[in-house]
Amino acid sequence: MIPSIRSKLAIFSQPTLALLTVLFLSTTTAEAAYTNIAKNAGINHKTFEKIVKKIVKVESSTGSYHVENKKSGAYGRYQIMPKTARHYAQRLGIPYSQWKQPRNQDRIFQAILKSNIQELKRNGIKITAFSIYGAHQQGAGGFSAIMKNKKLTKRLERNLRYNLPNKLRKTHRSRLAMVWKKYWQEKLA
């Protein structure tokens, strides 16, 4: 006779069982959110999962939810800027004081991805690892300006330089966007 699931779970205490249930539900909810975002982007779920992993590796090489960039103030696994976190936390009904919690970082990042993908599609930009990362890093509007070869604002120029390795940061302004695109397209290929 095969033991029932209930009898198998009886070995766990109630708090442990509750924790396992919460972990299972939050994992499946996150997976469902990424599946929906991937579908909206027109990308296979597994490919999209790889893109997210690449972004996490670039943003916080360890994948830690507790990494802080002392220069920019960006925080967490996805290196979300506080101003961006404030906007999305408000939009998602998350108290700003709680945005750094791992679950909330995930929710905010998913909302950012969804917004960026919509903006990329609206601007006719193909959805790739490079474009998703570029929109995350430079903002969808900034990335669109870069891709359309618009004149760089001082802020965008500073952001591009900061997002390059030291050896490329001194690139002349006239070539900066091209160098940035080439570097990140190769890195995210």
N, C-alpha and C. Protein backbone atom coordinates (compact mmCIF):
# COMPACT_ATOMS: atom_id res chain seq x y z
N MET A 1 0.83 -1.17 0.00
CA MET A 1 0.00 0.00 0.00
C MET A 1 0.88 1.25 0.00
N ILE A 2 0.55 2.22 -0.85
CA ILE A 2 1.32 3.46 -0.96
C ILE A 2 0.85 4.43 0.11
N PRO A 3 1.81 4.96 0.90
CA PRO A 3 1.41 5.91 1.95
C PRO A 3 0.85 7.18 1.31
N SER A 4 -0.15 7.74 1.94
CA SER A 4 -0.74 8.97 1.41
C SER A 4 0.20 10.14 1.62
N ILE A 5 -0.03 11.20 0.85
CA ILE A 5 0.76 12.42 1.00
C ILE A 5 0.61 12.95 2.41
N ARG A 6 -0.59 12.89 2.94
CA ARG A 6 -0.84 13.39 4.29
C ARG A 6 0.03 12.65 5.30
N SER A 7 0.14 11.31 5.17
CA SER A 7 0.95 10.56 6.13
C SER A 7 2.43 10.86 5.95
N LYS A 8 2.85 11.12 4.71
CA LYS A 8 4.25 11.50 4.48
C LYS A 8 4.55 12.86 5.09
N LEU A 9 3.60 13.77 4.97
CA LEU A 9 3.81 15.12 5.49
C LEU A 9 3.67 15.18 7.01
N ALA A 10 3.11 14.14 7.60
CA ALA A 10 2.91 14.13 9.05
C ALA A 10 4.23 14.18 9.81
N ILE A 11 5.32 13.81 9.15
CA ILE A 11 6.62 13.85 9.83
C ILE A 11 7.11 15.28 10.06
N PHE A 12 6.54 16.24 9.33
CA PHE A 12 6.91 17.64 9.49
C PHE A 12 6.05 18.28 10.56
N SER A 13 6.66 19.19 11.30
CA SER A 13 5.87 19.97 12.26
C SER A 13 5.01 20.96 11.49
N GLN A 14 3.98 21.49 12.13
CA GLN A 14 3.10 22.46 11.47
C GLN A 14 3.87 23.68 10.95
N PRO A 15 4.77 24.30 11.75
CA PRO A 15 5.51 25.46 11.22
C PRO A 15 6.38 25.11 10.01
N THR A 16 7.00 23.94 10.05
CA THR A 16 7.84 23.52 8.93
C THR A 16 6.99 23.31 7.68
N LEU A 17 5.85 22.67 7.87
CA LEU A 17 4.94 22.43 6.75
C LEU A 17 4.44 23.75 6.17
N ALA A 18 4.13 24.69 7.05
CA ALA A 18 3.68 26.01 6.58
C ALA A 18 4.78 26.70 5.78
N LEU A 19 6.02 26.62 6.26
CA LEU A 19 7.14 27.24 5.56
C LEU A 19 7.34 26.59 4.19
N LEU A 20 7.29 25.27 4.14
CA LEU A 20 7.44 24.57 2.86
C LEU A 20 6.33 24.97 1.87
N THR A 21 5.13 25.12 2.38
CA THR A 21 4.00 25.52 1.53
C THR A 21 4.23 26.92 0.98
N VAL A 22 4.66 27.85 1.84
CA VAL A 22 4.92 29.22 1.40
C VAL A 22 6.03 29.24 0.36
N LEU A 23 7.12 28.49 0.60
CA LEU A 23 8.23 28.45 -0.37
C LEU A 23 7.75 27.89 -1.71
N PHE A 24 6.97 26.83 -1.67
CA PHE A 24 6.46 26.23 -2.90
C PHE A 24 5.58 27.22 -3.65
N LEU A 25 4.65 27.85 -2.93
CA LEU A 25 3.73 28.78 -3.59
C LEU A 25 4.45 30.01 -4.14
N SER A 26 5.44 30.54 -3.40
CA SER A 26 6.15 31.72 -3.90
C SER A 26 7.01 31.37 -5.10
N THR A 27 7.58 30.16 -5.10
CA THR A 27 8.38 29.74 -6.25
C THR A 27 7.49 29.58 -7.48
N THR A 28 6.36 28.91 -7.33
CA THR A 28 5.48 28.70 -8.49
C THR A 28 4.87 30.02 -8.95
N THR A 29 4.61 30.95 -8.03
CA THR A 29 4.07 32.25 -8.41
C THR A 29 5.12 33.02 -9.21
N ALA A 30 6.38 33.00 -8.76
CA ALA A 30 7.46 33.68 -9.48
C ALA A 30 7.64 33.07 -10.87
N GLU A 31 7.62 31.74 -10.94
CA GLU A 31 7.76 31.07 -12.23
C GLU A 31 6.62 31.46 -13.17
N ALA A 32 5.42 31.53 -12.65
CA ALA A 32 4.27 31.91 -13.46
C ALA A 32 4.41 33.34 -13.96
N ALA A 33 4.90 34.23 -13.10
CA ALA A 33 5.10 35.62 -13.51
C ALA A 33 6.13 35.70 -14.64
N TYR A 34 7.25 34.98 -14.50
CA TYR A 34 8.27 35.00 -15.55
C TYR A 34 7.76 34.36 -16.83
N THR A 35 6.94 33.32 -16.71
CA THR A 35 6.37 32.69 -17.90
C THR A 35 5.48 33.68 -18.64
N ASN A 36 4.67 34.43 -17.92
CA ASN A 36 3.81 35.43 -18.55
C ASN A 36 4.62 36.54 -19.20
N ILE A 37 5.67 37.00 -18.54
CA ILE A 37 6.52 38.05 -19.10
C ILE A 37 7.20 37.54 -20.37
N ALA A 38 7.71 36.31 -20.31
CA ALA A 38 8.36 35.72 -21.49
C ALA A 38 7.39 35.62 -22.66
N LYS A 39 6.17 35.20 -22.36
CA LYS A 39 5.16 35.08 -23.40
C LYS A 39 4.87 36.45 -24.03
N ASN A 40 4.74 37.47 -23.18
CA ASN A 40 4.51 38.83 -23.66
C ASN A 40 5.68 39.32 -24.52
N ALA A 41 6.88 38.90 -24.16
CA ALA A 41 8.07 39.31 -24.92
C ALA A 41 8.23 38.51 -26.21
N GLY A 42 7.47 37.42 -26.34
CA GLY A 42 7.61 36.58 -27.53
C GLY A 42 8.84 35.71 -27.47
N ILE A 43 9.23 35.34 -26.25
CA ILE A 43 10.44 34.55 -26.03
C ILE A 43 10.06 33.26 -25.31
N ASN A 44 10.71 32.18 -25.68
CA ASN A 44 10.56 30.91 -24.99
C ASN A 44 10.90 31.08 -23.51
N HIS A 45 10.14 30.42 -22.62
CA HIS A 45 10.33 30.56 -21.17
C HIS A 45 11.76 30.22 -20.75
N LYS A 46 12.31 29.15 -21.29
CA LYS A 46 13.68 28.73 -20.92
C LYS A 46 14.71 29.77 -21.37
N THR A 47 14.51 30.33 -22.55
CA THR A 47 15.41 31.38 -23.04
C THR A 47 15.31 32.60 -22.15
N PHE A 48 14.10 32.95 -21.77
CA PHE A 48 13.89 34.10 -20.91
C PHE A 48 14.54 33.88 -19.54
N GLU A 49 14.44 32.67 -19.03
CA GLU A 49 15.07 32.31 -17.76
C GLU A 49 16.58 32.53 -17.84
N LYS A 50 17.18 32.14 -18.97
CA LYS A 50 18.63 32.33 -19.17
C LYS A 50 18.98 33.82 -19.21
N ILE A 51 18.11 34.61 -19.85
CA ILE A 51 18.34 36.07 -19.92
C ILE A 51 18.31 36.67 -18.51
N VAL A 52 17.34 36.29 -17.70
CA VAL A 52 17.26 36.80 -16.33
C VAL A 52 18.50 36.40 -15.55
N LYS A 53 18.96 35.16 -15.71
CA LYS A 53 20.17 34.71 -15.01
C LYS A 53 21.39 35.53 -15.44
N LYS A 54 21.48 35.85 -16.73
CA LYS A 54 22.59 36.68 -17.21
C LYS A 54 22.55 38.06 -16.58
N ILE A 55 21.36 38.64 -16.50
CA ILE A 55 21.21 39.98 -15.91
C ILE A 55 21.61 39.94 -14.43
N VAL A 56 21.17 38.92 -13.72
CA VAL A 56 21.52 38.79 -12.30
C VAL A 56 23.03 38.67 -12.15
N LYS A 57 23.66 37.88 -13.01
CA LYS A 57 25.11 37.69 -12.92
C LYS A 57 25.87 38.99 -13.18
N VAL A 58 25.36 39.79 -14.11
CA VAL A 58 26.00 41.08 -14.41
C VAL A 58 25.76 42.06 -13.26
N GLU A 59 24.54 42.12 -12.77
CA GLU A 59 24.18 43.11 -11.76
C GLU A 59 24.76 42.79 -10.38
N SER A 60 24.71 41.55 -9.96
CA SER A 60 25.24 41.17 -8.66
C SER A 60 25.87 39.79 -8.81
N SER A 61 27.13 39.75 -9.10
CA SER A 61 27.80 38.50 -9.49
C SER A 61 27.48 37.33 -8.56
N THR A 62 27.17 37.58 -7.30
CA THR A 62 26.85 36.50 -6.37
C THR A 62 25.37 36.15 -6.37
N GLY A 63 24.54 37.03 -6.92
CA GLY A 63 23.10 36.82 -6.89
C GLY A 63 22.48 37.16 -5.54
N SER A 64 23.24 37.84 -4.70
CA SER A 64 22.77 38.17 -3.36
C SER A 64 21.69 39.26 -3.40
N TYR A 65 20.74 39.11 -2.54
CA TYR A 65 19.68 40.12 -2.40
C TYR A 65 20.14 41.28 -1.51
N HIS A 66 21.35 41.21 -0.99
CA HIS A 66 21.80 42.20 -0.01
C HIS A 66 23.04 42.98 -0.45
N VAL A 67 23.31 43.03 -1.73
CA VAL A 67 24.47 43.75 -2.27
C VAL A 67 24.07 45.21 -2.50
N GLU A 68 24.93 46.12 -2.09
CA GLU A 68 24.65 47.54 -2.33
C GLU A 68 25.82 48.17 -3.06
N ASN A 69 25.52 48.92 -4.11
CA ASN A 69 26.54 49.67 -4.83
C ASN A 69 26.69 51.01 -4.11
N LYS A 70 27.84 51.20 -3.48
CA LYS A 70 28.05 52.41 -2.67
C LYS A 70 28.06 53.68 -3.52
N LYS A 71 28.48 53.57 -4.78
CA LYS A 71 28.53 54.76 -5.65
C LYS A 71 27.13 55.20 -6.10
N SER A 72 26.34 54.24 -6.59
CA SER A 72 25.06 54.61 -7.19
C SER A 72 23.88 54.48 -6.23
N GLY A 73 24.04 53.66 -5.21
CA GLY A 73 22.92 53.40 -4.31
C GLY A 73 22.06 52.24 -4.75
N ALA A 74 22.36 51.66 -5.92
CA ALA A 74 21.60 50.51 -6.41
C ALA A 74 21.72 49.37 -5.40
N TYR A 75 20.64 48.61 -5.26
CA TYR A 75 20.62 47.60 -4.21
C TYR A 75 20.05 46.29 -4.69
N GLY A 76 20.60 45.21 -4.16
CA GLY A 76 20.03 43.88 -4.29
C GLY A 76 20.46 43.09 -5.50
N ARG A 77 19.78 42.00 -5.65
CA ARG A 77 20.06 41.01 -6.69
C ARG A 77 20.02 41.61 -8.10
N TYR A 78 19.14 42.59 -8.30
CA TYR A 78 18.96 43.18 -9.62
C TYR A 78 19.51 44.60 -9.71
N GLN A 79 20.14 45.06 -8.62
CA GLN A 79 20.71 46.40 -8.54
C GLN A 79 19.69 47.46 -8.94
N ILE A 80 18.62 47.50 -8.21
CA ILE A 80 17.53 48.44 -8.46
C ILE A 80 17.85 49.75 -7.76
N MET A 81 17.69 50.84 -8.48
CA MET A 81 17.92 52.16 -7.90
C MET A 81 16.79 52.50 -6.93
N PRO A 82 17.10 53.17 -5.82
CA PRO A 82 16.05 53.51 -4.84
C PRO A 82 14.87 54.28 -5.43
N LYS A 83 15.15 55.22 -6.34
CA LYS A 83 14.07 56.00 -6.95
C LYS A 83 13.14 55.08 -7.77
N THR A 84 13.73 54.15 -8.49
CA THR A 84 12.95 53.18 -9.26
C THR A 84 12.17 52.28 -8.32
N ALA A 85 12.82 51.85 -7.25
CA ALA A 85 12.15 51.00 -6.26
C ALA A 85 10.95 51.72 -5.65
N ARG A 86 11.12 52.99 -5.36
CA ARG A 86 10.02 53.77 -4.77
C ARG A 86 8.81 53.79 -5.73
N HIS A 87 9.09 54.07 -7.00
CA HIS A 87 8.02 54.13 -8.01
C HIS A 87 7.27 52.80 -8.10
N TYR A 88 8.03 51.71 -8.26
CA TYR A 88 7.39 50.41 -8.45
C TYR A 88 6.77 49.87 -7.16
N ALA A 89 7.38 50.15 -6.02
CA ALA A 89 6.80 49.72 -4.74
C ALA A 89 5.42 50.36 -4.57
N GLN A 90 5.33 51.63 -4.88
CA GLN A 90 4.05 52.33 -4.76
C GLN A 90 3.04 51.71 -5.72
N ARG A 91 3.47 51.47 -6.95
CA ARG A 91 2.60 50.89 -7.97
C ARG A 91 2.09 49.50 -7.58
N LEU A 92 2.94 48.74 -6.88
CA LEU A 92 2.59 47.36 -6.52
C LEU A 92 1.99 47.24 -5.13
N GLY A 93 1.85 48.36 -4.44
CA GLY A 93 1.28 48.33 -3.09
C GLY A 93 2.23 47.75 -2.05
N ILE A 94 3.53 47.90 -2.29
CA ILE A 94 4.54 47.43 -1.34
C ILE A 94 4.99 48.62 -0.51
N PRO A 95 4.96 48.53 0.81
CA PRO A 95 5.49 49.65 1.61
C PRO A 95 6.97 49.87 1.25
N TYR A 96 7.35 51.12 1.00
CA TYR A 96 8.72 51.40 0.56
C TYR A 96 9.74 50.85 1.55
N SER A 97 9.42 50.87 2.82
CA SER A 97 10.36 50.37 3.83
C SER A 97 10.62 48.87 3.69
N GLN A 98 9.81 48.18 2.88
CA GLN A 98 9.95 46.73 2.71
C GLN A 98 10.43 46.31 1.32
N TRP A 99 10.81 47.28 0.48
CA TRP A 99 11.15 46.92 -0.89
C TRP A 99 12.40 46.06 -1.00
N LYS A 100 13.29 46.13 -0.01
CA LYS A 100 14.54 45.37 -0.08
C LYS A 100 14.38 43.90 0.29
N GLN A 101 13.22 43.52 0.77
CA GLN A 101 12.99 42.11 1.06
C GLN A 101 13.07 41.32 -0.25
N PRO A 102 13.72 40.15 -0.23
CA PRO A 102 13.91 39.38 -1.47
C PRO A 102 12.64 39.21 -2.30
N ARG A 103 11.54 38.84 -1.68
CA ARG A 103 10.30 38.62 -2.42
C ARG A 103 9.86 39.91 -3.12
N ASN A 104 10.01 41.04 -2.43
CA ASN A 104 9.61 42.32 -3.01
C ASN A 104 10.57 42.77 -4.11
N GLN A 105 11.86 42.48 -3.95
CA GLN A 105 12.81 42.77 -5.04
C GLN A 105 12.41 41.99 -6.29
N ASP A 106 12.04 40.74 -6.12
CA ASP A 106 11.60 39.92 -7.26
C ASP A 106 10.37 40.54 -7.92
N ARG A 107 9.40 40.92 -7.11
CA ARG A 107 8.17 41.51 -7.66
C ARG A 107 8.46 42.82 -8.41
N ILE A 108 9.31 43.64 -7.82
CA ILE A 108 9.66 44.91 -8.46
C ILE A 108 10.41 44.66 -9.76
N PHE A 109 11.36 43.72 -9.74
CA PHE A 109 12.12 43.41 -10.95
C PHE A 109 11.20 42.89 -12.05
N GLN A 110 10.25 42.04 -11.69
CA GLN A 110 9.30 41.53 -12.68
C GLN A 110 8.48 42.66 -13.28
N ALA A 111 8.07 43.61 -12.46
CA ALA A 111 7.30 44.76 -12.97
C ALA A 111 8.17 45.63 -13.88
N ILE A 112 9.43 45.80 -13.50
CA ILE A 112 10.36 46.57 -14.35
C ILE A 112 10.53 45.87 -15.69
N LEU A 113 10.74 44.56 -15.66
CA LEU A 113 10.89 43.80 -16.91
C LEU A 113 9.67 43.98 -17.80
N LYS A 114 8.50 43.82 -17.20
CA LYS A 114 7.26 43.92 -17.97
C LYS A 114 7.15 45.31 -18.62
N SER A 115 7.40 46.36 -17.85
CA SER A 115 7.33 47.74 -18.38
C SER A 115 8.36 47.95 -19.48
N ASN A 116 9.59 47.50 -19.24
CA ASN A 116 10.66 47.70 -20.22
C ASN A 116 10.36 46.96 -21.52
N ILE A 117 9.86 45.75 -21.40
CA ILE A 117 9.55 44.97 -22.61
C ILE A 117 8.43 45.65 -23.40
N GLN A 118 7.42 46.15 -22.72
CA GLN A 118 6.35 46.88 -23.41
C GLN A 118 6.92 48.10 -24.15
N GLU A 119 7.81 48.82 -23.48
CA GLU A 119 8.41 50.02 -24.09
C GLU A 119 9.31 49.66 -25.27
N LEU A 120 10.09 48.59 -25.12
CA LEU A 120 10.95 48.15 -26.23
C LEU A 120 10.10 47.78 -27.45
N LYS A 121 9.04 47.03 -27.21
CA LYS A 121 8.15 46.64 -28.31
C LYS A 121 7.50 47.86 -28.96
N ARG A 122 7.07 48.80 -28.12
CA ARG A 122 6.44 50.03 -28.64
C ARG A 122 7.40 50.81 -29.53
N ASN A 123 8.69 50.75 -29.21
CA ASN A 123 9.70 51.45 -30.00
C ASN A 123 10.28 50.60 -31.12
N GLY A 124 9.72 49.41 -31.33
CA GLY A 124 10.16 48.55 -32.43
C GLY A 124 11.53 47.94 -32.23
N ILE A 125 11.94 47.77 -30.98
CA ILE A 125 13.26 47.19 -30.68
C ILE A 125 13.07 45.72 -30.37
N LYS A 126 13.86 44.89 -31.03
CA LYS A 126 13.78 43.44 -30.87
C LYS A 126 14.11 43.07 -29.41
N ILE A 127 13.36 42.12 -28.87
CA ILE A 127 13.55 41.68 -27.50
C ILE A 127 14.64 40.60 -27.47
N THR A 128 15.77 40.96 -26.88
CA THR A 128 16.92 40.05 -26.75
C THR A 128 17.49 40.24 -25.35
N ALA A 129 18.48 39.43 -25.00
CA ALA A 129 19.17 39.61 -23.71
C ALA A 129 19.77 41.01 -23.65
N PHE A 130 20.35 41.46 -24.75
CA PHE A 130 20.97 42.78 -24.80
C PHE A 130 19.95 43.90 -24.61
N SER A 131 18.83 43.83 -25.31
CA SER A 131 17.85 44.91 -25.19
C SER A 131 17.18 44.92 -23.81
N ILE A 132 16.92 43.75 -23.25
CA ILE A 132 16.33 43.70 -21.92
C ILE A 132 17.30 44.26 -20.89
N TYR A 133 18.57 43.85 -21.00
CA TYR A 133 19.58 44.38 -20.07
C TYR A 133 19.76 45.88 -20.28
N GLY A 134 19.85 46.31 -21.53
CA GLY A 134 20.05 47.73 -21.83
C GLY A 134 18.94 48.59 -21.27
N ALA A 135 17.70 48.12 -21.39
CA ALA A 135 16.56 48.87 -20.85
C ALA A 135 16.60 48.86 -19.33
N HIS A 136 17.03 47.76 -18.74
CA HIS A 136 17.14 47.70 -17.27
C HIS A 136 18.24 48.65 -16.80
N GLN A 137 19.34 48.65 -17.49
CA GLN A 137 20.50 49.44 -17.08
C GLN A 137 20.33 50.93 -17.36
N GLN A 138 19.83 51.28 -18.51
CA GLN A 138 19.78 52.69 -18.93
C GLN A 138 18.36 53.27 -18.88
N GLY A 139 17.40 52.46 -18.51
CA GLY A 139 16.01 52.88 -18.59
C GLY A 139 15.54 52.67 -20.03
N ALA A 140 14.28 52.37 -20.20
CA ALA A 140 13.77 52.08 -21.55
C ALA A 140 13.94 53.27 -22.48
N GLY A 141 13.69 54.48 -21.97
CA GLY A 141 13.84 55.68 -22.79
C GLY A 141 15.29 55.94 -23.17
N GLY A 142 16.19 55.77 -22.21
CA GLY A 142 17.62 55.95 -22.48
C GLY A 142 18.13 54.93 -23.47
N PHE A 143 17.70 53.68 -23.31
CA PHE A 143 18.13 52.64 -24.23
C PHE A 143 17.60 52.90 -25.63
N SER A 144 16.37 53.34 -25.71
CA SER A 144 15.79 53.67 -27.02
C SER A 144 16.58 54.79 -27.70
N ALA A 145 16.96 55.81 -26.93
CA ALA A 145 17.77 56.91 -27.48
C ALA A 145 19.11 56.41 -27.99
N ILE A 146 19.72 55.49 -27.24
CA ILE A 146 21.01 54.91 -27.66
C ILE A 146 20.83 54.15 -28.96
N MET A 147 19.80 53.33 -29.04
CA MET A 147 19.59 52.49 -30.22
C MET A 147 19.21 53.32 -31.45
N LYS A 148 18.60 54.48 -31.23
CA LYS A 148 18.21 55.34 -32.34
C LYS A 148 19.29 56.38 -32.66
N ASN A 149 20.45 56.20 -32.03
CA ASN A 149 21.61 57.08 -32.25
C ASN A 149 21.31 58.55 -32.01
N LYS A 150 20.49 58.83 -31.02
CA LYS A 150 20.21 60.22 -30.67
C LYS A 150 21.40 60.81 -29.92
N LYS A 151 21.47 62.12 -29.90
CA LYS A 151 22.54 62.80 -29.19
C LYS A 151 22.44 62.45 -27.70
N LEU A 152 23.57 62.09 -27.10
CA LEU A 152 23.59 61.69 -25.70
C LEU A 152 23.46 62.88 -24.77
N THR A 153 22.58 62.77 -23.81
CA THR A 153 22.52 63.78 -22.76
C THR A 153 23.72 63.54 -21.85
N LYS A 154 24.05 64.52 -21.03
CA LYS A 154 25.19 64.36 -20.10
C LYS A 154 24.94 63.20 -19.15
N ARG A 155 23.70 63.05 -18.70
CA ARG A 155 23.36 61.97 -17.78
C ARG A 155 23.53 60.61 -18.45
N LEU A 156 23.04 60.50 -19.68
CA LEU A 156 23.15 59.23 -20.40
C LEU A 156 24.61 58.92 -20.71
N GLU A 157 25.37 59.93 -21.06
CA GLU A 157 26.81 59.73 -21.30
C GLU A 157 27.48 59.19 -20.03
N ARG A 158 27.17 59.81 -18.90
CA ARG A 158 27.75 59.36 -17.62
C ARG A 158 27.34 57.92 -17.33
N ASN A 159 26.07 57.59 -17.55
CA ASN A 159 25.59 56.23 -17.31
C ASN A 159 26.30 55.21 -18.19
N LEU A 160 26.50 55.56 -19.46
CA LEU A 160 27.19 54.65 -20.38
C LEU A 160 28.63 54.42 -19.93
N ARG A 161 29.32 55.50 -19.58
CA ARG A 161 30.72 55.37 -19.13
C ARG A 161 30.80 54.50 -17.88
N TYR A 162 29.90 54.73 -16.94
CA TYR A 162 29.90 54.00 -15.68
C TYR A 162 29.61 52.52 -15.91
N ASN A 163 28.93 52.20 -16.99
CA ASN A 163 28.53 50.83 -17.29
C ASN A 163 29.50 50.13 -18.24
N LEU A 164 30.71 50.65 -18.33
CA LEU A 164 31.76 50.03 -19.14
C LEU A 164 32.95 49.71 -18.24
N PRO A 165 33.80 48.75 -18.66
CA PRO A 165 35.02 48.51 -17.89
C PRO A 165 35.94 49.73 -17.98
N ASN A 166 36.82 49.88 -17.01
CA ASN A 166 37.71 51.06 -16.93
C ASN A 166 38.44 51.35 -18.24
N LYS A 167 38.91 50.32 -18.92
CA LYS A 167 39.70 50.54 -20.14
C LYS A 167 38.88 51.20 -21.26
N LEU A 168 37.54 51.09 -21.20
CA LEU A 168 36.69 51.67 -22.25
C LEU A 168 36.02 52.98 -21.84
N ARG A 169 36.16 53.37 -20.58
CA ARG A 169 35.46 54.56 -20.08
C ARG A 169 35.94 55.87 -20.69
N LYS A 170 37.14 55.88 -21.20
CA LYS A 170 37.71 57.11 -21.77
C LYS A 170 37.37 57.27 -23.25
N THR A 171 36.54 56.40 -23.79
CA THR A 171 36.13 56.47 -25.19
C THR A 171 35.57 57.86 -25.50
N HIS A 172 35.93 58.39 -26.67
CA HIS A 172 35.43 59.71 -27.07
C HIS A 172 33.91 59.67 -27.14
N ARG A 173 33.32 60.77 -26.78
CA ARG A 173 31.84 60.89 -26.74
C ARG A 173 31.17 60.48 -28.05
N SER A 174 31.80 60.80 -29.17
CA SER A 174 31.22 60.49 -30.48
C SER A 174 31.12 58.99 -30.74
N ARG A 175 31.93 58.19 -30.06
CA ARG A 175 31.95 56.74 -30.28
C ARG A 175 31.39 55.96 -29.08
N LEU A 176 31.04 56.67 -28.02
CA LEU A 176 30.68 56.02 -26.77
C LEU A 176 29.49 55.07 -26.90
N ALA A 177 28.42 55.49 -27.51
CA ALA A 177 27.24 54.63 -27.63
C ALA A 177 27.56 53.38 -28.45
N MET A 178 28.33 53.54 -29.51
CA MET A 178 28.70 52.40 -30.35
C MET A 178 29.55 51.40 -29.55
N VAL A 179 30.51 51.92 -28.79
CA VAL A 179 31.38 51.06 -27.98
C VAL A 179 30.56 50.34 -26.91
N TRP A 180 29.66 51.08 -26.27
CA TRP A 180 28.81 50.48 -25.24
C TRP A 180 27.96 49.36 -25.83
N LYS A 181 27.32 49.61 -26.98
CA LYS A 181 26.48 48.60 -27.62
C LYS A 181 27.29 47.35 -27.95
N LYS A 182 28.45 47.55 -28.57
CA LYS A 182 29.29 46.42 -28.97
C LYS A 182 29.71 45.60 -27.76
N TYR A 183 30.16 46.28 -26.72
CA TYR A 183 30.62 45.60 -25.51
C TYR A 183 29.52 44.73 -24.92
N TRP A 184 28.32 45.30 -24.73
CA TRP A 184 27.24 44.56 -24.07
C TRP A 184 26.59 43.52 -24.98
N GLN A 185 26.55 43.77 -26.29
CA GLN A 185 26.02 42.75 -27.19
C GLN A 185 26.89 41.51 -27.15
N GLU A 186 28.20 41.70 -27.13
CA GLU A 186 29.11 40.56 -27.07
C GLU A 186 29.02 39.85 -25.72
N LYS A 187 28.97 40.63 -24.66
CA LYS A 187 28.93 40.06 -23.31
C LYS A 187 27.64 39.27 -23.05
N LEU A 188 26.54 39.71 -23.64
CA LEU A 188 25.25 39.07 -23.39
C LEU A 188 24.83 38.09 -24.49
N ALA A 189 25.70 37.88 -25.45
CA ALA A 189 25.39 36.96 -26.57
C ALA A 189 25.19 35.54 -26.09
